[in-house]
Amino acid sequence: MSETPKRKTHTSTAVKQRYNEKTYEMIAVRIPKELASRFRERCSQSGDSQASVIKKAIEEYLKQS
């Protein structure tokens, strides 16, 4: 007896997208490729997500104010 794989619905994706747009803000930066490459490598080695490192840096910066 084979099971049919679950399919991803567009409704659930749309719901998640609406939630993310309501809850989060995107900040885009342009940095040199060399710096980005080193950052990705370091995050990979340490097991940290890139977003968590950046979020932590922003929180520390805001504490200085």
Protein backbone atom coordinates (compact mmCIF):
# COMPACT_ATOMS: atom_id res chain seq x y z
CA MET A 1 0.00 0.00 0.00
CA SER A 2 1.63 3.25 -1.09
CA GLU A 3 0.79 6.59 0.46
CA THR A 4 0.23 9.62 -1.68
CA PRO A 5 2.52 12.51 -0.75
CA LYS A 6 0.92 15.54 0.82
CA ARG A 7 0.72 18.45 -1.53
CA LYS A 8 1.45 22.02 -0.57
CA THR A 9 -1.58 24.23 -0.99
CA HIS A 10 -1.51 27.77 -2.23
CA THR A 11 -3.94 28.80 0.51
CA SER A 12 -1.55 27.89 3.31
CA THR A 13 1.31 29.69 1.56
CA ALA A 14 -0.83 32.81 1.11
CA VAL A 15 -1.82 32.76 4.79
CA LYS A 16 1.82 32.51 5.89
CA GLN A 17 2.79 35.30 3.51
CA ARG A 18 0.06 37.61 4.88
CA TYR A 19 1.16 36.88 8.46
CA ASN A 20 4.82 37.58 7.63
CA GLU A 21 3.95 40.84 5.87
CA LYS A 22 1.87 41.95 8.85
CA THR A 23 4.42 40.90 11.50
CA TYR A 24 7.85 41.45 10.00
CA GLU A 25 9.74 44.14 8.10
CA MET A 26 12.49 43.39 5.62
CA ILE A 27 15.73 45.34 5.73
CA ALA A 28 17.97 44.95 2.70
CA VAL A 29 21.64 45.90 2.61
CA ARG A 30 24.32 45.75 -0.04
CA ILE A 31 27.70 44.58 1.15
CA PRO A 32 30.80 43.48 -0.74
CA LYS A 33 30.66 39.87 -1.98
CA GLU A 34 33.80 38.99 -0.03
CA LEU A 35 32.21 40.17 3.23
CA ALA A 36 28.96 38.31 2.50
CA SER A 37 30.86 35.13 1.69
CA ARG A 38 32.86 35.29 4.93
CA PHE A 39 29.68 36.01 6.90
CA ARG A 40 27.83 33.01 5.39
CA GLU A 41 30.81 30.75 6.03
CA ARG A 42 31.12 31.86 9.65
CA CYS A 43 27.38 31.38 10.26
CA SER A 44 27.57 27.93 8.71
CA GLN A 45 30.55 26.95 10.87
CA SER A 46 28.96 28.21 14.08
CA GLY A 47 25.49 26.84 13.30
CA ASP A 48 23.90 30.27 13.66
CA SER A 49 21.29 31.52 11.22
CA GLN A 50 22.24 34.67 9.35
CA ALA A 51 19.01 36.35 10.46
CA SER A 52 19.66 35.62 14.15
CA VAL A 53 23.16 37.13 13.98
CA ILE A 54 21.88 40.28 12.31
CA LYS A 55 18.93 40.57 14.71
CA LYS A 56 21.29 40.23 17.68
CA ALA A 57 23.58 42.94 16.25
CA ILE A 58 20.63 45.31 15.78
CA GLU A 59 19.40 44.68 19.33
CA GLU A 60 22.89 45.39 20.72
CA TYR A 61 23.14 48.57 18.65
CA LEU A 62 19.78 49.79 19.96
CA LYS A 63 20.85 49.17 23.58
CA GLN A 64 23.71 51.66 23.07
CA SER A 65 21.35 54.55 22.41
